[in-house]
Amino acid sequence: MSAVQVASVAGDEAAELTDAEVTAVLRSEAKRRNEAAELYENAGRTERAASERNELAVIEAYLPAAMDDATLQGIVDEEIAAARKAGAEGPKAMGQVIKAVKDRVGDGADGGRIAGVVKASLA
């Protein structure tokens, strides 16, 4: 949780982080732990990988619950339909749809996950 404290004192003066900013810092730290665990596993350092996974579990306990796949897919489908009504089709609609889904989902899904679902649905 020191990353949250570091983020709060970054810049010219200390500031109180909003809930959204704290969530963003925690998501970033979770992503780092996950990537580090994968690297350690690939290098055969299972003890370090387990340590990173344990830290990831603690961080994830503070993150909002992730949206389930069916709900996310439903929102993506609705936004694709709205984009088609506005005249955007196929890959050209991707940016518009991703932005709209992110606005609706908020912290319920990671941006990479949203982009993956949108890309698969538009293909």
N, C-alpha and C. Protein backbone atom coordinates (compact mmCIF):
# COMPACT_ATOMS: atom_id res chain seq x y z
N MET A 1 0.81 -1.18 0.00
CA MET A 1 0.00 0.00 0.00
C MET A 1 0.86 1.26 0.00
N SER A 2 2.16 1.05 0.01
CA SER A 2 3.05 2.21 -0.04
C SER A 2 2.93 2.93 -1.38
N ALA A 3 2.50 2.24 -2.43
CA ALA A 3 2.33 2.88 -3.73
C ALA A 3 1.26 3.97 -3.66
N VAL A 4 0.24 3.76 -2.85
CA VAL A 4 -0.81 4.77 -2.67
C VAL A 4 -0.22 5.98 -1.98
N GLN A 5 0.60 5.76 -0.97
CA GLN A 5 1.24 6.87 -0.26
C GLN A 5 2.19 7.62 -1.18
N VAL A 6 2.95 6.91 -1.99
CA VAL A 6 3.87 7.55 -2.93
C VAL A 6 3.09 8.41 -3.93
N ALA A 7 1.97 7.87 -4.42
CA ALA A 7 1.16 8.62 -5.38
C ALA A 7 0.56 9.87 -4.74
N SER A 8 0.26 9.81 -3.46
CA SER A 8 -0.36 10.97 -2.80
C SER A 8 0.64 12.11 -2.59
N VAL A 9 1.92 11.81 -2.56
CA VAL A 9 2.91 12.87 -2.36
C VAL A 9 3.67 13.21 -3.64
N ALA A 10 3.27 12.60 -4.75
CA ALA A 10 3.90 12.90 -6.03
C ALA A 10 3.49 14.30 -6.47
N GLY A 11 4.39 14.98 -7.11
CA GLY A 11 4.08 16.34 -7.58
C GLY A 11 4.65 17.38 -6.64
N ASP A 12 4.12 18.59 -6.76
CA ASP A 12 4.65 19.71 -5.98
C ASP A 12 4.27 19.66 -4.51
N GLU A 13 3.07 19.15 -4.22
CA GLU A 13 2.65 19.08 -2.82
C GLU A 13 1.78 17.85 -2.60
N ALA A 14 1.70 17.43 -1.35
CA ALA A 14 0.90 16.25 -1.01
C ALA A 14 -0.58 16.54 -1.24
N ALA A 15 -1.29 15.53 -1.70
CA ALA A 15 -2.71 15.69 -1.95
C ALA A 15 -3.45 14.44 -1.50
N GLU A 16 -4.69 14.61 -1.13
CA GLU A 16 -5.55 13.48 -0.77
C GLU A 16 -6.06 12.86 -2.07
N LEU A 17 -5.82 11.57 -2.25
CA LEU A 17 -6.26 10.89 -3.46
C LEU A 17 -7.76 10.58 -3.39
N THR A 18 -8.42 10.69 -4.52
CA THR A 18 -9.82 10.30 -4.59
C THR A 18 -9.90 8.77 -4.63
N ASP A 19 -11.11 8.24 -4.43
CA ASP A 19 -11.28 6.79 -4.49
C ASP A 19 -10.89 6.25 -5.86
N ALA A 20 -11.23 6.98 -6.91
CA ALA A 20 -10.89 6.54 -8.26
C ALA A 20 -9.38 6.50 -8.46
N GLU A 21 -8.67 7.48 -7.91
CA GLU A 21 -7.21 7.51 -8.04
C GLU A 21 -6.56 6.38 -7.25
N VAL A 22 -7.09 6.08 -6.06
CA VAL A 22 -6.57 4.97 -5.26
C VAL A 22 -6.81 3.65 -6.00
N THR A 23 -7.99 3.51 -6.59
CA THR A 23 -8.30 2.30 -7.34
C THR A 23 -7.36 2.15 -8.53
N ALA A 24 -7.06 3.25 -9.21
CA ALA A 24 -6.14 3.20 -10.35
C ALA A 24 -4.75 2.77 -9.91
N VAL A 25 -4.28 3.28 -8.78
CA VAL A 25 -2.97 2.89 -8.26
C VAL A 25 -2.97 1.41 -7.90
N LEU A 26 -4.03 0.94 -7.25
CA LEU A 26 -4.11 -0.47 -6.87
C LEU A 26 -4.17 -1.37 -8.10
N ARG A 27 -4.91 -0.96 -9.14
CA ARG A 27 -4.96 -1.75 -10.38
C ARG A 27 -3.56 -1.84 -11.02
N SER A 28 -2.86 -0.73 -11.00
CA SER A 28 -1.51 -0.71 -11.57
C SER A 28 -0.58 -1.65 -10.79
N GLU A 29 -0.67 -1.60 -9.47
CA GLU A 29 0.16 -2.48 -8.64
C GLU A 29 -0.22 -3.95 -8.85
N ALA A 30 -1.51 -4.23 -9.00
CA ALA A 30 -1.95 -5.60 -9.23
C ALA A 30 -1.40 -6.10 -10.56
N LYS A 31 -1.43 -5.26 -11.57
CA LYS A 31 -0.90 -5.64 -12.88
C LYS A 31 0.60 -5.92 -12.79
N ARG A 32 1.31 -5.09 -12.05
CA ARG A 32 2.76 -5.32 -11.87
C ARG A 32 3.04 -6.64 -11.19
N ARG A 33 2.26 -6.95 -10.14
CA ARG A 33 2.48 -8.20 -9.42
C ARG A 33 2.20 -9.40 -10.31
N ASN A 34 1.13 -9.31 -11.11
CA ASN A 34 0.78 -10.41 -12.00
C ASN A 34 1.87 -10.63 -13.05
N GLU A 35 2.36 -9.54 -13.65
CA GLU A 35 3.42 -9.66 -14.65
C GLU A 35 4.70 -10.20 -14.03
N ALA A 36 5.03 -9.74 -12.83
CA ALA A 36 6.25 -10.22 -12.17
C ALA A 36 6.13 -11.70 -11.85
N ALA A 37 4.96 -12.14 -11.40
CA ALA A 37 4.77 -13.55 -11.08
C ALA A 37 4.95 -14.41 -12.33
N GLU A 38 4.43 -13.95 -13.46
CA GLU A 38 4.59 -14.70 -14.70
C GLU A 38 6.06 -14.78 -15.11
N LEU A 39 6.78 -13.66 -14.97
CA LEU A 39 8.21 -13.67 -15.31
C LEU A 39 8.98 -14.62 -14.40
N TYR A 40 8.70 -14.59 -13.12
CA TYR A 40 9.39 -15.49 -12.19
C TYR A 40 9.07 -16.95 -12.50
N GLU A 41 7.80 -17.24 -12.84
CA GLU A 41 7.44 -18.62 -13.18
C GLU A 41 8.19 -19.08 -14.42
N ASN A 42 8.27 -18.21 -15.43
CA ASN A 42 8.98 -18.56 -16.66
C ASN A 42 10.47 -18.77 -16.42
N ALA A 43 11.01 -18.11 -15.41
CA ALA A 43 12.43 -18.25 -15.08
C ALA A 43 12.68 -19.39 -14.09
N GLY A 44 11.61 -20.08 -13.68
CA GLY A 44 11.77 -21.20 -12.77
C GLY A 44 11.94 -20.81 -11.31
N ARG A 45 11.63 -19.57 -10.98
CA ARG A 45 11.75 -19.10 -9.59
C ARG A 45 10.37 -19.13 -8.93
N THR A 46 9.93 -20.32 -8.60
CA THR A 46 8.57 -20.52 -8.10
C THR A 46 8.32 -19.85 -6.76
N GLU A 47 9.36 -19.74 -5.91
CA GLU A 47 9.17 -19.10 -4.60
C GLU A 47 8.83 -17.62 -4.77
N ARG A 48 9.56 -16.95 -5.65
CA ARG A 48 9.31 -15.52 -5.90
C ARG A 48 7.96 -15.34 -6.58
N ALA A 49 7.60 -16.26 -7.49
CA ALA A 49 6.31 -16.18 -8.16
C ALA A 49 5.18 -16.31 -7.13
N ALA A 50 5.33 -17.23 -6.19
CA ALA A 50 4.32 -17.42 -5.15
C ALA A 50 4.21 -16.18 -4.28
N SER A 51 5.33 -15.57 -3.98
CA SER A 51 5.33 -14.34 -3.19
C SER A 51 4.58 -13.21 -3.91
N GLU A 52 4.83 -13.07 -5.20
CA GLU A 52 4.14 -12.05 -5.98
C GLU A 52 2.64 -12.33 -6.05
N ARG A 53 2.27 -13.59 -6.20
CA ARG A 53 0.85 -13.97 -6.24
C ARG A 53 0.17 -13.69 -4.88
N ASN A 54 0.89 -13.92 -3.79
CA ASN A 54 0.34 -13.60 -2.47
C ASN A 54 0.10 -12.10 -2.32
N GLU A 55 1.04 -11.29 -2.77
CA GLU A 55 0.87 -9.84 -2.72
C GLU A 55 -0.29 -9.42 -3.62
N LEU A 56 -0.43 -10.06 -4.77
CA LEU A 56 -1.53 -9.77 -5.68
C LEU A 56 -2.87 -10.05 -5.01
N ALA A 57 -2.96 -11.14 -4.27
CA ALA A 57 -4.21 -11.48 -3.58
C ALA A 57 -4.59 -10.42 -2.56
N VAL A 58 -3.59 -9.88 -1.85
CA VAL A 58 -3.86 -8.83 -0.86
C VAL A 58 -4.36 -7.58 -1.56
N ILE A 59 -3.71 -7.19 -2.65
CA ILE A 59 -4.12 -5.99 -3.40
C ILE A 59 -5.53 -6.16 -3.95
N GLU A 60 -5.81 -7.33 -4.52
CA GLU A 60 -7.13 -7.58 -5.10
C GLU A 60 -8.24 -7.51 -4.07
N ALA A 61 -7.93 -7.78 -2.82
CA ALA A 61 -8.93 -7.68 -1.76
C ALA A 61 -9.43 -6.25 -1.59
N TYR A 62 -8.63 -5.27 -1.98
CA TYR A 62 -9.00 -3.86 -1.85
C TYR A 62 -9.64 -3.29 -3.12
N LEU A 63 -9.62 -4.07 -4.19
CA LEU A 63 -10.20 -3.60 -5.46
C LEU A 63 -11.68 -3.95 -5.52
N PRO A 64 -12.46 -3.14 -6.25
CA PRO A 64 -13.87 -3.48 -6.43
C PRO A 64 -14.01 -4.80 -7.17
N ALA A 65 -15.11 -5.49 -6.94
CA ALA A 65 -15.33 -6.77 -7.61
C ALA A 65 -15.40 -6.57 -9.11
N ALA A 66 -14.79 -7.49 -9.84
CA ALA A 66 -14.78 -7.41 -11.30
C ALA A 66 -16.15 -7.81 -11.84
N MET A 67 -16.55 -7.16 -12.91
CA MET A 67 -17.82 -7.46 -13.57
C MET A 67 -17.72 -8.82 -14.24
N ASP A 68 -18.81 -9.60 -14.18
CA ASP A 68 -18.77 -10.92 -14.81
C ASP A 68 -18.83 -10.77 -16.33
N ASP A 69 -18.39 -11.81 -17.03
CA ASP A 69 -18.26 -11.78 -18.49
C ASP A 69 -19.59 -11.54 -19.20
N ALA A 70 -20.66 -12.15 -18.71
CA ALA A 70 -21.96 -12.02 -19.36
C ALA A 70 -22.47 -10.58 -19.30
N THR A 71 -22.31 -9.94 -18.15
CA THR A 71 -22.76 -8.56 -18.00
C THR A 71 -21.94 -7.64 -18.90
N LEU A 72 -20.62 -7.83 -18.91
CA LEU A 72 -19.75 -7.02 -19.76
C LEU A 72 -20.11 -7.21 -21.23
N GLN A 73 -20.34 -8.44 -21.64
CA GLN A 73 -20.70 -8.72 -23.03
C GLN A 73 -22.02 -8.04 -23.40
N GLY A 74 -22.98 -8.03 -22.48
CA GLY A 74 -24.25 -7.37 -22.72
C GLY A 74 -24.10 -5.88 -22.94
N ILE A 75 -23.26 -5.25 -22.13
CA ILE A 75 -23.01 -3.81 -22.27
C ILE A 75 -22.30 -3.53 -23.59
N VAL A 76 -21.33 -4.36 -23.93
CA VAL A 76 -20.61 -4.19 -25.20
C VAL A 76 -21.58 -4.31 -26.37
N ASP A 77 -22.46 -5.31 -26.32
CA ASP A 77 -23.42 -5.50 -27.41
C ASP A 77 -24.34 -4.29 -27.55
N GLU A 78 -24.78 -3.73 -26.43
CA GLU A 78 -25.64 -2.54 -26.46
C GLU A 78 -24.91 -1.35 -27.08
N GLU A 79 -23.66 -1.17 -26.71
CA GLU A 79 -22.89 -0.03 -27.23
C GLU A 79 -22.53 -0.21 -28.71
N ILE A 80 -22.33 -1.45 -29.13
CA ILE A 80 -22.08 -1.71 -30.56
C ILE A 80 -23.34 -1.36 -31.36
N ALA A 81 -24.50 -1.74 -30.83
CA ALA A 81 -25.76 -1.41 -31.51
C ALA A 81 -25.94 0.10 -31.59
N ALA A 82 -25.61 0.81 -30.51
CA ALA A 82 -25.73 2.27 -30.52
C ALA A 82 -24.77 2.89 -31.52
N ALA A 83 -23.57 2.34 -31.63
CA ALA A 83 -22.58 2.86 -32.58
C ALA A 83 -23.06 2.63 -34.01
N ARG A 84 -23.67 1.47 -34.25
CA ARG A 84 -24.18 1.18 -35.60
C ARG A 84 -25.29 2.15 -35.98
N LYS A 85 -26.15 2.48 -35.00
CA LYS A 85 -27.22 3.46 -35.26
C LYS A 85 -26.62 4.82 -35.62
N ALA A 86 -25.46 5.12 -35.01
CA ALA A 86 -24.79 6.40 -35.28
C ALA A 86 -23.97 6.35 -36.57
N GLY A 87 -23.92 5.18 -37.21
CA GLY A 87 -23.22 5.06 -38.48
C GLY A 87 -21.81 4.50 -38.40
N ALA A 88 -21.35 4.09 -37.23
CA ALA A 88 -20.01 3.52 -37.08
C ALA A 88 -20.11 2.00 -37.11
N GLU A 89 -19.31 1.38 -37.98
CA GLU A 89 -19.33 -0.08 -38.13
C GLU A 89 -17.92 -0.64 -38.08
N GLY A 90 -17.80 -1.89 -37.69
CA GLY A 90 -16.53 -2.61 -37.72
C GLY A 90 -15.44 -1.95 -36.90
N PRO A 91 -14.20 -2.08 -37.36
CA PRO A 91 -13.06 -1.55 -36.61
C PRO A 91 -13.12 -0.03 -36.38
N LYS A 92 -13.82 0.67 -37.26
CA LYS A 92 -13.94 2.12 -37.09
C LYS A 92 -14.72 2.48 -35.83
N ALA A 93 -15.57 1.58 -35.39
CA ALA A 93 -16.40 1.83 -34.20
C ALA A 93 -15.68 1.49 -32.91
N MET A 94 -14.52 0.83 -32.99
CA MET A 94 -13.86 0.31 -31.80
C MET A 94 -13.61 1.38 -30.74
N GLY A 95 -13.00 2.48 -31.09
CA GLY A 95 -12.69 3.53 -30.12
C GLY A 95 -13.93 4.10 -29.47
N GLN A 96 -14.94 4.34 -30.27
CA GLN A 96 -16.20 4.88 -29.78
C GLN A 96 -16.87 3.91 -28.80
N VAL A 97 -16.89 2.63 -29.16
CA VAL A 97 -17.52 1.62 -28.32
C VAL A 97 -16.75 1.43 -27.02
N ILE A 98 -15.42 1.36 -27.10
CA ILE A 98 -14.60 1.17 -25.90
C ILE A 98 -14.83 2.33 -24.93
N LYS A 99 -14.84 3.54 -25.43
CA LYS A 99 -15.05 4.71 -24.57
C LYS A 99 -16.41 4.64 -23.89
N ALA A 100 -17.45 4.31 -24.66
CA ALA A 100 -18.80 4.23 -24.10
C ALA A 100 -18.91 3.13 -23.04
N VAL A 101 -18.28 1.99 -23.31
CA VAL A 101 -18.31 0.88 -22.35
C VAL A 101 -17.57 1.27 -21.07
N LYS A 102 -16.39 1.90 -21.21
CA LYS A 102 -15.64 2.32 -20.03
C LYS A 102 -16.45 3.29 -19.18
N ASP A 103 -17.17 4.20 -19.84
CA ASP A 103 -18.00 5.15 -19.11
C ASP A 103 -19.09 4.44 -18.32
N ARG A 104 -19.67 3.41 -18.90
CA ARG A 104 -20.75 2.68 -18.22
C ARG A 104 -20.24 1.72 -17.15
N VAL A 105 -19.11 1.09 -17.41
CA VAL A 105 -18.60 0.04 -16.52
C VAL A 105 -17.84 0.63 -15.33
N GLY A 106 -17.14 1.73 -15.53
CA GLY A 106 -16.34 2.33 -14.46
C GLY A 106 -15.23 1.40 -14.03
N ASP A 107 -15.17 1.11 -12.74
CA ASP A 107 -14.11 0.25 -12.20
C ASP A 107 -14.45 -1.23 -12.27
N GLY A 108 -15.55 -1.57 -12.92
CA GLY A 108 -15.98 -2.96 -12.96
C GLY A 108 -15.18 -3.85 -13.87
N ALA A 109 -14.41 -3.26 -14.78
CA ALA A 109 -13.61 -4.07 -15.71
C ALA A 109 -12.37 -3.29 -16.12
N ASP A 110 -11.30 -4.01 -16.33
CA ASP A 110 -10.03 -3.45 -16.77
C ASP A 110 -10.13 -3.02 -18.23
N GLY A 111 -9.43 -1.97 -18.60
CA GLY A 111 -9.45 -1.47 -19.97
C GLY A 111 -9.03 -2.49 -21.00
N GLY A 112 -8.03 -3.30 -20.68
CA GLY A 112 -7.58 -4.33 -21.59
C GLY A 112 -8.64 -5.40 -21.82
N ARG A 113 -9.34 -5.73 -20.76
CA ARG A 113 -10.42 -6.72 -20.86
C ARG A 113 -11.56 -6.17 -21.73
N ILE A 114 -11.91 -4.90 -21.51
CA ILE A 114 -12.95 -4.26 -22.31
C ILE A 114 -12.56 -4.27 -23.78
N ALA A 115 -11.33 -3.84 -24.07
CA ALA A 115 -10.86 -3.79 -25.46
C ALA A 115 -10.91 -5.17 -26.11
N GLY A 116 -10.55 -6.19 -25.38
CA GLY A 116 -10.58 -7.55 -25.92
C GLY A 116 -11.98 -8.01 -26.28
N VAL A 117 -12.93 -7.72 -25.40
CA VAL A 117 -14.32 -8.11 -25.66
C VAL A 117 -14.89 -7.33 -26.84
N VAL A 118 -14.59 -6.03 -26.89
CA VAL A 118 -15.07 -5.19 -28.00
C VAL A 118 -14.48 -5.68 -29.32
N LYS A 119 -13.19 -5.94 -29.34
CA LYS A 119 -12.52 -6.40 -30.57
C LYS A 119 -13.13 -7.71 -31.06
N ALA A 120 -13.35 -8.64 -30.14
CA ALA A 120 -13.92 -9.94 -30.51
C ALA A 120 -15.35 -9.76 -31.03
N SER A 121 -16.09 -8.86 -30.44
CA SER A 121 -17.49 -8.66 -30.84
C SER A 121 -17.60 -7.95 -32.18
N LEU A 122 -16.65 -7.10 -32.50
CA LEU A 122 -16.68 -6.39 -33.77
C LEU A 122 -16.12 -7.20 -34.93
N ALA A 123 -15.42 -8.28 -34.61
CA ALA A 123 -14.79 -9.09 -35.68
C ALA A 123 -15.80 -9.93 -36.42
